[in-house]
Amino acid sequence: MLYLIIEGDNMKNQGYIEYTYKHRKVVMLLAEKYFGDNKELLEQVRYHDLDKMYLYMFYDKDVVSKFHRKNSNHHFNEKDKTNLDYIEMVLDWESARYTKPDKPLNAYDTLYKYYTEEEKNILPILKEMLIDKPNLPMEKDILAKIKSITSISFNDIEKELYDSISLIIGRK
């Protein structure tokens, strides 16, 4: 499948795909750390940003970002939110500082800089996670685990995409 969309040694938006791959891994690490016993949440997080992994192969970043934000429950949009969606949102915000050098805010600081109107939905989650304070340092255990995913190969991405197809059709 993937050989159809590769030009030479490069895939369209390969850098964004690699970043999204790493971001998905960090979101899952955080979910396991803070909500490891919540099987429903962990199942939902398995799909986190999966649409972007595929869309980047065909569309430019701005198109993918716009589509993703409009259609993903873990972003503020017109879609109704469940508590799991809010938790995934918090995990998404918290992971940004581990994977996006240009976004150093933790989830608490993100809430109060951009989404103060959502305090009633988000602050209880931050309290449950014990990250309801500004400027918290990054978690050392998460940083240590991230070191193992610094070098992302084409085979890693290919496996992620193939595995996700199995996940989507219900074979895993």
N, C-alpha and C. Protein backbone atom coordinates (compact mmCIF):
# COMPACT_ATOMS: atom_id res chain seq x y z
N MET A 1 0.82 -1.20 0.00
CA MET A 1 0.00 0.00 0.00
C MET A 1 0.86 1.26 0.00
N LEU A 2 1.81 1.36 0.93
CA LEU A 2 2.56 2.59 1.08
C LEU A 2 3.46 2.89 -0.10
N TYR A 3 3.88 1.88 -0.82
CA TYR A 3 4.77 2.13 -1.95
C TYR A 3 4.10 2.97 -3.02
N LEU A 4 2.78 3.03 -3.02
CA LEU A 4 2.06 3.83 -4.01
C LEU A 4 2.17 5.33 -3.75
N ILE A 5 2.50 5.71 -2.53
CA ILE A 5 2.50 7.13 -2.19
C ILE A 5 3.89 7.66 -1.83
N ILE A 6 4.89 6.87 -2.11
CA ILE A 6 6.26 7.30 -1.84
C ILE A 6 6.91 7.75 -3.13
N GLU A 7 7.54 8.91 -3.06
CA GLU A 7 8.28 9.42 -4.21
C GLU A 7 9.76 9.33 -3.86
N GLY A 8 10.48 8.46 -4.52
CA GLY A 8 11.87 8.24 -4.18
C GLY A 8 11.97 7.68 -2.78
N ASP A 9 12.75 8.33 -1.94
CA ASP A 9 12.90 7.88 -0.56
C ASP A 9 12.02 8.68 0.40
N ASN A 10 11.17 9.55 -0.14
CA ASN A 10 10.37 10.42 0.72
C ASN A 10 8.89 10.19 0.53
N MET A 11 8.17 10.30 1.61
CA MET A 11 6.73 10.23 1.60
C MET A 11 6.22 11.66 1.77
N LYS A 12 5.10 11.98 1.14
CA LYS A 12 4.51 13.31 1.31
C LYS A 12 4.33 13.58 2.81
N ASN A 13 4.78 14.73 3.23
CA ASN A 13 4.63 15.16 4.63
C ASN A 13 5.25 14.18 5.63
N GLN A 14 6.34 13.56 5.24
CA GLN A 14 6.95 12.55 6.11
C GLN A 14 7.28 13.11 7.49
N GLY A 15 7.77 14.33 7.55
CA GLY A 15 8.09 14.93 8.85
C GLY A 15 6.86 15.05 9.74
N TYR A 16 5.73 15.44 9.17
CA TYR A 16 4.50 15.56 9.96
C TYR A 16 4.00 14.18 10.38
N ILE A 17 4.17 13.20 9.52
CA ILE A 17 3.76 11.84 9.86
C ILE A 17 4.62 11.31 11.00
N GLU A 18 5.93 11.54 10.92
CA GLU A 18 6.83 11.10 11.99
C GLU A 18 6.50 11.80 13.30
N TYR A 19 6.24 13.11 13.23
CA TYR A 19 5.87 13.84 14.43
C TYR A 19 4.58 13.27 15.03
N THR A 20 3.58 13.02 14.19
CA THR A 20 2.30 12.50 14.67
C THR A 20 2.48 11.11 15.28
N TYR A 21 3.32 10.31 14.68
CA TYR A 21 3.63 8.99 15.22
C TYR A 21 4.15 9.13 16.65
N LYS A 22 5.13 10.00 16.84
CA LYS A 22 5.72 10.20 18.17
C LYS A 22 4.68 10.78 19.13
N HIS A 23 3.92 11.74 18.66
CA HIS A 23 2.89 12.37 19.49
C HIS A 23 1.88 11.32 19.97
N ARG A 24 1.44 10.44 19.09
CA ARG A 24 0.50 9.38 19.46
C ARG A 24 1.08 8.49 20.55
N LYS A 25 2.36 8.18 20.42
CA LYS A 25 3.02 7.33 21.42
C LYS A 25 3.06 8.03 22.79
N VAL A 26 3.35 9.33 22.79
CA VAL A 26 3.43 10.07 24.06
C VAL A 26 2.05 10.21 24.68
N VAL A 27 1.03 10.47 23.89
CA VAL A 27 -0.33 10.53 24.43
C VAL A 27 -0.68 9.20 25.10
N MET A 28 -0.32 8.09 24.46
CA MET A 28 -0.60 6.78 25.05
C MET A 28 0.20 6.56 26.33
N LEU A 29 1.47 6.98 26.34
CA LEU A 29 2.27 6.86 27.57
C LEU A 29 1.61 7.62 28.73
N LEU A 30 1.14 8.82 28.45
CA LEU A 30 0.49 9.61 29.49
C LEU A 30 -0.83 8.96 29.92
N ALA A 31 -1.58 8.45 28.96
CA ALA A 31 -2.84 7.78 29.29
C ALA A 31 -2.59 6.58 30.19
N GLU A 32 -1.58 5.79 29.85
CA GLU A 32 -1.25 4.62 30.66
C GLU A 32 -0.78 5.02 32.06
N LYS A 33 -0.01 6.09 32.13
CA LYS A 33 0.50 6.53 33.43
C LYS A 33 -0.63 7.02 34.34
N TYR A 34 -1.50 7.85 33.80
CA TYR A 34 -2.51 8.49 34.63
C TYR A 34 -3.84 7.74 34.69
N PHE A 35 -4.14 6.94 33.67
CA PHE A 35 -5.44 6.28 33.60
C PHE A 35 -5.31 4.82 33.16
N GLY A 36 -4.23 4.17 33.58
CA GLY A 36 -3.93 2.82 33.12
C GLY A 36 -5.01 1.79 33.36
N ASP A 37 -5.87 2.03 34.34
CA ASP A 37 -6.93 1.08 34.63
C ASP A 37 -8.23 1.38 33.89
N ASN A 38 -8.25 2.46 33.12
CA ASN A 38 -9.45 2.86 32.39
C ASN A 38 -9.39 2.30 30.96
N LYS A 39 -9.89 1.10 30.79
CA LYS A 39 -9.78 0.41 29.50
C LYS A 39 -10.51 1.15 28.39
N GLU A 40 -11.63 1.78 28.73
CA GLU A 40 -12.40 2.52 27.72
C GLU A 40 -11.58 3.71 27.19
N LEU A 41 -10.93 4.42 28.09
CA LEU A 41 -10.09 5.54 27.68
C LEU A 41 -8.91 5.05 26.84
N LEU A 42 -8.24 4.01 27.31
CA LEU A 42 -7.09 3.50 26.57
C LEU A 42 -7.49 3.05 25.16
N GLU A 43 -8.66 2.48 25.04
CA GLU A 43 -9.16 2.09 23.71
C GLU A 43 -9.38 3.33 22.84
N GLN A 44 -9.95 4.37 23.41
CA GLN A 44 -10.19 5.60 22.65
C GLN A 44 -8.86 6.23 22.22
N VAL A 45 -7.90 6.23 23.12
CA VAL A 45 -6.60 6.86 22.84
C VAL A 45 -5.85 6.10 21.73
N ARG A 46 -6.13 4.84 21.56
CA ARG A 46 -5.48 4.08 20.48
C ARG A 46 -5.76 4.73 19.12
N TYR A 47 -6.86 5.45 19.01
CA TYR A 47 -7.25 6.10 17.75
C TYR A 47 -6.80 7.57 17.69
N HIS A 48 -6.17 8.05 18.73
CA HIS A 48 -5.80 9.47 18.81
C HIS A 48 -5.00 9.91 17.59
N ASP A 49 -5.48 10.91 16.89
CA ASP A 49 -4.82 11.52 15.73
C ASP A 49 -4.51 10.52 14.60
N LEU A 50 -5.16 9.40 14.61
CA LEU A 50 -4.91 8.40 13.57
C LEU A 50 -5.29 8.93 12.19
N ASP A 51 -6.34 9.73 12.14
CA ASP A 51 -6.75 10.32 10.86
C ASP A 51 -5.60 11.12 10.23
N LYS A 52 -4.84 11.82 11.06
CA LYS A 52 -3.74 12.63 10.54
C LYS A 52 -2.64 11.78 9.91
N MET A 53 -2.40 10.61 10.48
CA MET A 53 -1.37 9.72 9.92
C MET A 53 -1.67 9.40 8.45
N TYR A 54 -2.93 9.19 8.15
CA TYR A 54 -3.34 8.86 6.78
C TYR A 54 -3.49 10.11 5.92
N LEU A 55 -4.14 11.12 6.45
CA LEU A 55 -4.41 12.32 5.65
C LEU A 55 -3.14 13.03 5.20
N TYR A 56 -2.11 13.02 6.04
CA TYR A 56 -0.84 13.65 5.66
C TYR A 56 -0.23 13.03 4.40
N MET A 57 -0.56 11.82 4.11
CA MET A 57 0.00 11.17 2.92
C MET A 57 -0.58 11.76 1.63
N PHE A 58 -1.71 12.44 1.75
CA PHE A 58 -2.40 12.92 0.56
C PHE A 58 -2.65 14.43 0.52
N TYR A 59 -2.68 15.06 1.70
CA TYR A 59 -3.05 16.47 1.78
C TYR A 59 -1.99 17.27 2.51
N ASP A 60 -1.98 18.57 2.26
CA ASP A 60 -1.05 19.47 2.94
C ASP A 60 -1.48 19.67 4.39
N LYS A 61 -0.53 20.11 5.20
CA LYS A 61 -0.74 20.23 6.64
C LYS A 61 -1.95 21.09 6.99
N ASP A 62 -2.11 22.24 6.34
CA ASP A 62 -3.21 23.12 6.71
C ASP A 62 -4.57 22.47 6.48
N VAL A 63 -4.70 21.70 5.43
CA VAL A 63 -5.96 21.00 5.14
C VAL A 63 -6.19 19.92 6.20
N VAL A 64 -5.14 19.17 6.52
CA VAL A 64 -5.24 18.10 7.51
C VAL A 64 -5.60 18.68 8.88
N SER A 65 -4.92 19.75 9.28
CA SER A 65 -5.18 20.35 10.59
C SER A 65 -6.62 20.85 10.70
N LYS A 66 -7.09 21.51 9.67
CA LYS A 66 -8.45 22.05 9.68
C LYS A 66 -9.47 20.91 9.78
N PHE A 67 -9.30 19.89 8.96
CA PHE A 67 -10.20 18.74 8.99
C PHE A 67 -10.18 18.08 10.36
N HIS A 68 -8.99 17.84 10.88
CA HIS A 68 -8.82 17.14 12.16
C HIS A 68 -9.50 17.91 13.29
N ARG A 69 -9.25 19.19 13.38
CA ARG A 69 -9.82 19.99 14.47
C ARG A 69 -11.35 20.04 14.38
N LYS A 70 -11.86 20.08 13.18
CA LYS A 70 -13.31 20.14 12.99
C LYS A 70 -13.99 18.81 13.33
N ASN A 71 -13.31 17.70 13.14
CA ASN A 71 -13.94 16.39 13.23
C ASN A 71 -13.51 15.53 14.42
N SER A 72 -12.60 16.01 15.24
CA SER A 72 -12.10 15.21 16.37
C SER A 72 -12.74 15.66 17.68
N ASN A 73 -13.24 14.70 18.42
CA ASN A 73 -13.90 15.02 19.69
C ASN A 73 -12.95 15.57 20.74
N HIS A 74 -11.65 15.34 20.59
CA HIS A 74 -10.72 15.87 21.60
C HIS A 74 -10.26 17.30 21.28
N HIS A 75 -10.96 17.95 20.35
CA HIS A 75 -10.73 19.37 20.07
C HIS A 75 -12.04 20.11 20.28
N PHE A 76 -11.94 21.40 20.62
CA PHE A 76 -13.15 22.20 20.78
C PHE A 76 -13.71 22.48 19.39
N ASN A 77 -14.93 22.01 19.19
CA ASN A 77 -15.65 22.18 17.93
C ASN A 77 -17.13 22.01 18.25
N GLU A 78 -17.94 21.79 17.25
CA GLU A 78 -19.38 21.67 17.44
C GLU A 78 -19.82 20.31 17.99
N LYS A 79 -18.91 19.37 18.08
CA LYS A 79 -19.27 18.02 18.53
C LYS A 79 -19.48 17.97 20.04
N ASP A 80 -20.46 17.17 20.45
CA ASP A 80 -20.68 16.95 21.87
C ASP A 80 -19.47 16.22 22.45
N LYS A 81 -19.17 16.51 23.69
CA LYS A 81 -18.00 15.91 24.36
C LYS A 81 -18.43 15.00 25.51
N THR A 82 -17.74 13.90 25.63
CA THR A 82 -17.89 13.04 26.80
C THR A 82 -16.75 13.36 27.75
N ASN A 83 -16.80 12.81 28.94
CA ASN A 83 -15.69 12.99 29.86
C ASN A 83 -14.40 12.40 29.29
N LEU A 84 -14.52 11.27 28.59
CA LEU A 84 -13.34 10.67 27.95
C LEU A 84 -12.74 11.61 26.91
N ASP A 85 -13.58 12.33 26.18
CA ASP A 85 -13.07 13.30 25.20
C ASP A 85 -12.29 14.40 25.90
N TYR A 86 -12.79 14.87 27.04
CA TYR A 86 -12.07 15.90 27.79
C TYR A 86 -10.75 15.36 28.34
N ILE A 87 -10.76 14.12 28.78
CA ILE A 87 -9.51 13.52 29.26
C ILE A 87 -8.51 13.41 28.11
N GLU A 88 -8.97 12.97 26.96
CA GLU A 88 -8.08 12.88 25.80
C GLU A 88 -7.55 14.26 25.42
N MET A 89 -8.39 15.27 25.55
CA MET A 89 -7.97 16.64 25.28
C MET A 89 -6.83 17.04 26.22
N VAL A 90 -6.98 16.74 27.50
CA VAL A 90 -5.95 17.05 28.49
C VAL A 90 -4.66 16.30 28.15
N LEU A 91 -4.77 15.03 27.81
CA LEU A 91 -3.59 14.25 27.44
C LEU A 91 -2.91 14.85 26.21
N ASP A 92 -3.70 15.31 25.28
CA ASP A 92 -3.18 15.96 24.07
C ASP A 92 -2.40 17.22 24.45
N TRP A 93 -2.98 18.04 25.29
CA TRP A 93 -2.31 19.27 25.73
C TRP A 93 -1.04 18.95 26.50
N GLU A 94 -1.13 17.99 27.41
CA GLU A 94 0.02 17.66 28.25
C GLU A 94 1.16 17.10 27.40
N SER A 95 0.82 16.35 26.38
CA SER A 95 1.86 15.73 25.54
C SER A 95 2.59 16.76 24.69
N ALA A 96 1.95 17.87 24.39
CA ALA A 96 2.55 18.86 23.49
C ALA A 96 3.92 19.30 23.97
N ARG A 97 4.08 19.51 25.25
CA ARG A 97 5.38 19.99 25.74
C ARG A 97 6.48 18.95 25.63
N TYR A 98 6.11 17.69 25.47
CA TYR A 98 7.09 16.62 25.29
C TYR A 98 7.49 16.45 23.82
N THR A 99 6.61 16.89 22.92
CA THR A 99 6.84 16.61 21.50
C THR A 99 6.90 17.85 20.62
N LYS A 100 6.50 19.00 21.13
CA LYS A 100 6.48 20.22 20.33
C LYS A 100 7.32 21.29 21.02
N PRO A 101 8.55 21.48 20.60
CA PRO A 101 9.41 22.48 21.26
C PRO A 101 8.79 23.88 21.26
N ASP A 102 7.94 24.18 20.28
CA ASP A 102 7.32 25.50 20.21
C ASP A 102 6.07 25.61 21.09
N LYS A 103 5.70 24.52 21.79
CA LYS A 103 4.52 24.52 22.67
C LYS A 103 4.90 23.97 24.04
N PRO A 104 5.59 24.81 24.85
CA PRO A 104 6.12 24.32 26.13
C PRO A 104 5.13 24.28 27.29
N LEU A 105 3.88 24.70 27.06
CA LEU A 105 2.92 24.75 28.15
C LEU A 105 2.44 23.35 28.55
N ASN A 106 2.24 23.16 29.85
CA ASN A 106 1.60 21.92 30.28
C ASN A 106 0.09 22.09 30.14
N ALA A 107 -0.67 21.05 30.47
CA ALA A 107 -2.12 21.09 30.28
C ALA A 107 -2.76 22.20 31.12
N TYR A 108 -2.31 22.36 32.35
CA TYR A 108 -2.86 23.40 33.23
C TYR A 108 -2.65 24.79 32.62
N ASP A 109 -1.45 25.06 32.19
CA ASP A 109 -1.14 26.37 31.61
C ASP A 109 -1.89 26.58 30.28
N THR A 110 -2.07 25.51 29.52
CA THR A 110 -2.84 25.61 28.27
C THR A 110 -4.28 25.98 28.57
N LEU A 111 -4.86 25.34 29.58
CA LEU A 111 -6.24 25.65 29.98
C LEU A 111 -6.39 27.14 30.26
N TYR A 112 -5.50 27.68 31.09
CA TYR A 112 -5.68 29.07 31.51
C TYR A 112 -5.16 30.10 30.51
N LYS A 113 -4.40 29.69 29.54
CA LYS A 113 -3.99 30.63 28.51
C LYS A 113 -5.01 30.70 27.37
N TYR A 114 -5.61 29.55 27.01
CA TYR A 114 -6.45 29.50 25.81
C TYR A 114 -7.92 29.15 26.06
N TYR A 115 -8.24 28.42 27.12
CA TYR A 115 -9.58 27.84 27.24
C TYR A 115 -10.19 28.04 28.63
N THR A 116 -10.05 29.21 29.20
CA THR A 116 -10.54 29.44 30.56
C THR A 116 -12.02 29.11 30.71
N GLU A 117 -12.78 29.27 29.65
CA GLU A 117 -14.22 28.99 29.71
C GLU A 117 -14.52 27.50 29.92
N GLU A 118 -13.50 26.65 29.76
CA GLU A 118 -13.68 25.21 29.92
C GLU A 118 -13.18 24.70 31.28
N GLU A 119 -12.92 25.62 32.19
CA GLU A 119 -12.38 25.23 33.49
C GLU A 119 -13.23 24.17 34.19
N LYS A 120 -14.54 24.30 34.12
CA LYS A 120 -15.42 23.35 34.82
C LYS A 120 -15.29 21.93 34.29
N ASN A 121 -14.94 21.77 33.03
CA ASN A 121 -14.77 20.44 32.43
C ASN A 121 -13.35 19.90 32.59
N ILE A 122 -12.38 20.78 32.59
CA ILE A 122 -10.97 20.37 32.53
C ILE A 122 -10.30 20.31 33.90
N LEU A 123 -10.56 21.27 34.76
CA LEU A 123 -9.86 21.32 36.05
C LEU A 123 -10.04 20.04 36.88
N PRO A 124 -11.24 19.45 36.96
CA PRO A 124 -11.36 18.20 37.72
C PRO A 124 -10.45 17.08 37.18
N ILE A 125 -10.24 17.04 35.90
CA ILE A 125 -9.35 16.04 35.30
C ILE A 125 -7.91 16.32 35.71
N LEU A 126 -7.51 17.58 35.64
CA LEU A 126 -6.16 17.95 36.04
C LEU A 126 -5.92 17.62 37.51
N LYS A 127 -6.94 17.84 38.34
CA LYS A 127 -6.81 17.50 39.77
C LYS A 127 -6.68 16.01 39.97
N GLU A 128 -7.46 15.24 39.22
CA GLU A 128 -7.37 13.77 39.32
C GLU A 128 -5.98 13.29 38.93
N MET A 129 -5.38 13.94 37.96
CA MET A 129 -4.05 13.57 37.48
C MET A 129 -2.93 14.16 38.36
N LEU A 130 -3.31 15.03 39.29
CA LEU A 130 -2.36 15.74 40.16
C LEU A 130 -1.42 16.64 39.36
N ILE A 131 -1.96 17.23 38.29
CA ILE A 131 -1.17 18.17 37.48
C ILE A 131 -1.90 19.51 37.38
N ASP A 132 -2.58 19.89 38.45
CA ASP A 132 -3.39 21.10 38.47
C ASP A 132 -2.62 22.30 39.01
N LYS A 133 -1.40 22.45 38.51
CA LYS A 133 -0.54 23.56 38.93
C LYS A 133 0.21 24.11 37.72
N PRO A 134 0.56 25.38 37.76
CA PRO A 134 1.31 25.95 36.63
C PRO A 134 2.78 25.52 36.64
N ASN A 135 3.36 25.56 35.49
CA ASN A 135 4.81 25.38 35.31
C ASN A 135 5.38 24.10 35.92
N LEU A 136 4.62 23.03 35.91
CA LEU A 136 5.16 21.78 36.44
C LEU A 136 6.26 21.26 35.52
N PRO A 137 7.30 20.67 36.10
CA PRO A 137 8.35 20.10 35.25
C PRO A 137 7.84 18.86 34.53
N MET A 138 8.52 18.51 33.45
CA MET A 138 8.16 17.30 32.72
C MET A 138 8.44 16.09 33.60
N GLU A 139 7.63 15.06 33.42
CA GLU A 139 7.76 13.83 34.20
C GLU A 139 9.00 13.06 33.73
N LYS A 140 9.87 12.73 34.66
CA LYS A 140 11.12 12.04 34.31
C LYS A 140 10.88 10.67 33.69
N ASP A 141 9.88 9.94 34.18
CA ASP A 141 9.61 8.62 33.61
C ASP A 141 9.12 8.72 32.18
N ILE A 142 8.33 9.74 31.88
CA ILE A 142 7.86 9.93 30.50
C ILE A 142 9.03 10.33 29.61
N LEU A 143 9.88 11.24 30.09
CA LEU A 143 11.05 11.65 29.32
C LEU A 143 11.95 10.44 29.00
N ALA A 144 12.12 9.57 29.98
CA ALA A 144 12.96 8.38 29.77
C ALA A 144 12.36 7.48 28.69
N LYS A 145 11.06 7.30 28.72
CA LYS A 145 10.41 6.44 27.73
C LYS A 145 10.43 7.06 26.34
N ILE A 146 10.38 8.38 26.27
CA ILE A 146 10.40 9.07 24.97
C ILE A 146 11.73 8.84 24.26
N LYS A 147 12.80 8.69 25.02
CA LYS A 147 14.11 8.47 24.41
C LYS A 147 14.12 7.26 23.49
N SER A 148 13.26 6.29 23.78
CA SER A 148 13.23 5.08 22.95
C SER A 148 12.50 5.31 21.62
N ILE A 149 11.83 6.44 21.46
CA ILE A 149 11.12 6.71 20.20
C ILE A 149 11.66 7.95 19.49
N THR A 150 12.92 8.26 19.70
CA THR A 150 13.48 9.44 19.05
C THR A 150 13.81 9.17 17.58
N SER A 151 14.22 7.98 17.26
CA SER A 151 14.54 7.64 15.88
C SER A 151 13.40 6.83 15.29
N ILE A 152 12.68 7.45 14.37
CA ILE A 152 11.49 6.82 13.79
C ILE A 152 11.82 6.41 12.36
N SER A 153 11.66 5.15 12.08
CA SER A 153 11.97 4.64 10.74
C SER A 153 10.70 4.55 9.90
N PHE A 154 10.92 4.42 8.59
CA PHE A 154 9.79 4.19 7.70
C PHE A 154 9.05 2.91 8.10
N ASN A 155 9.81 1.90 8.53
CA ASN A 155 9.18 0.64 8.95
C ASN A 155 8.29 0.84 10.18
N ASP A 156 8.68 1.72 11.10
CA ASP A 156 7.85 2.03 12.26
C ASP A 156 6.51 2.62 11.81
N ILE A 157 6.59 3.57 10.89
CA ILE A 157 5.38 4.22 10.39
C ILE A 157 4.51 3.22 9.64
N GLU A 158 5.14 2.44 8.79
CA GLU A 158 4.40 1.45 8.01
C GLU A 158 3.68 0.47 8.94
N LYS A 159 4.39 -0.01 9.97
CA LYS A 159 3.77 -0.94 10.92
C LYS A 159 2.60 -0.28 11.64
N GLU A 160 2.77 0.96 12.05
CA GLU A 160 1.70 1.69 12.73
C GLU A 160 0.47 1.80 11.83
N LEU A 161 0.69 2.09 10.58
CA LEU A 161 -0.44 2.23 9.65
C LEU A 161 -1.11 0.89 9.39
N TYR A 162 -0.34 -0.13 9.15
CA TYR A 162 -0.92 -1.46 8.94
C TYR A 162 -1.66 -1.95 10.18
N ASP A 163 -1.05 -1.78 11.35
CA ASP A 163 -1.70 -2.20 12.59
C ASP A 163 -3.00 -1.44 12.82
N SER A 164 -3.01 -0.16 12.46
CA SER A 164 -4.22 0.63 12.67
C SER A 164 -5.34 0.20 11.74
N ILE A 165 -5.00 -0.27 10.57
CA ILE A 165 -6.05 -0.79 9.67
C ILE A 165 -6.70 -2.01 10.32
N SER A 166 -5.89 -2.88 10.89
CA SER A 166 -6.43 -4.05 11.60
C SER A 166 -7.28 -3.61 12.78
N LEU A 167 -6.82 -2.58 13.48
CA LEU A 167 -7.57 -2.05 14.61
C LEU A 167 -8.93 -1.54 14.16
N ILE A 168 -8.93 -0.80 13.07
CA ILE A 168 -10.17 -0.20 12.57
C ILE A 168 -11.16 -1.27 12.11
N ILE A 169 -10.68 -2.30 11.46
CA ILE A 169 -11.61 -3.33 10.99
C ILE A 169 -11.90 -4.38 12.05
N GLY A 170 -11.33 -4.20 13.23
CA GLY A 170 -11.70 -5.02 14.37
C GLY A 170 -10.99 -6.34 14.53
N ARG A 171 -9.81 -6.47 13.96
CA ARG A 171 -9.10 -7.73 14.08
C ARG A 171 -8.09 -7.71 15.22
N LYS A 172 -7.94 -6.60 15.91
CA LYS A 172 -6.98 -6.55 17.03
C LYS A 172 -7.69 -6.15 18.29
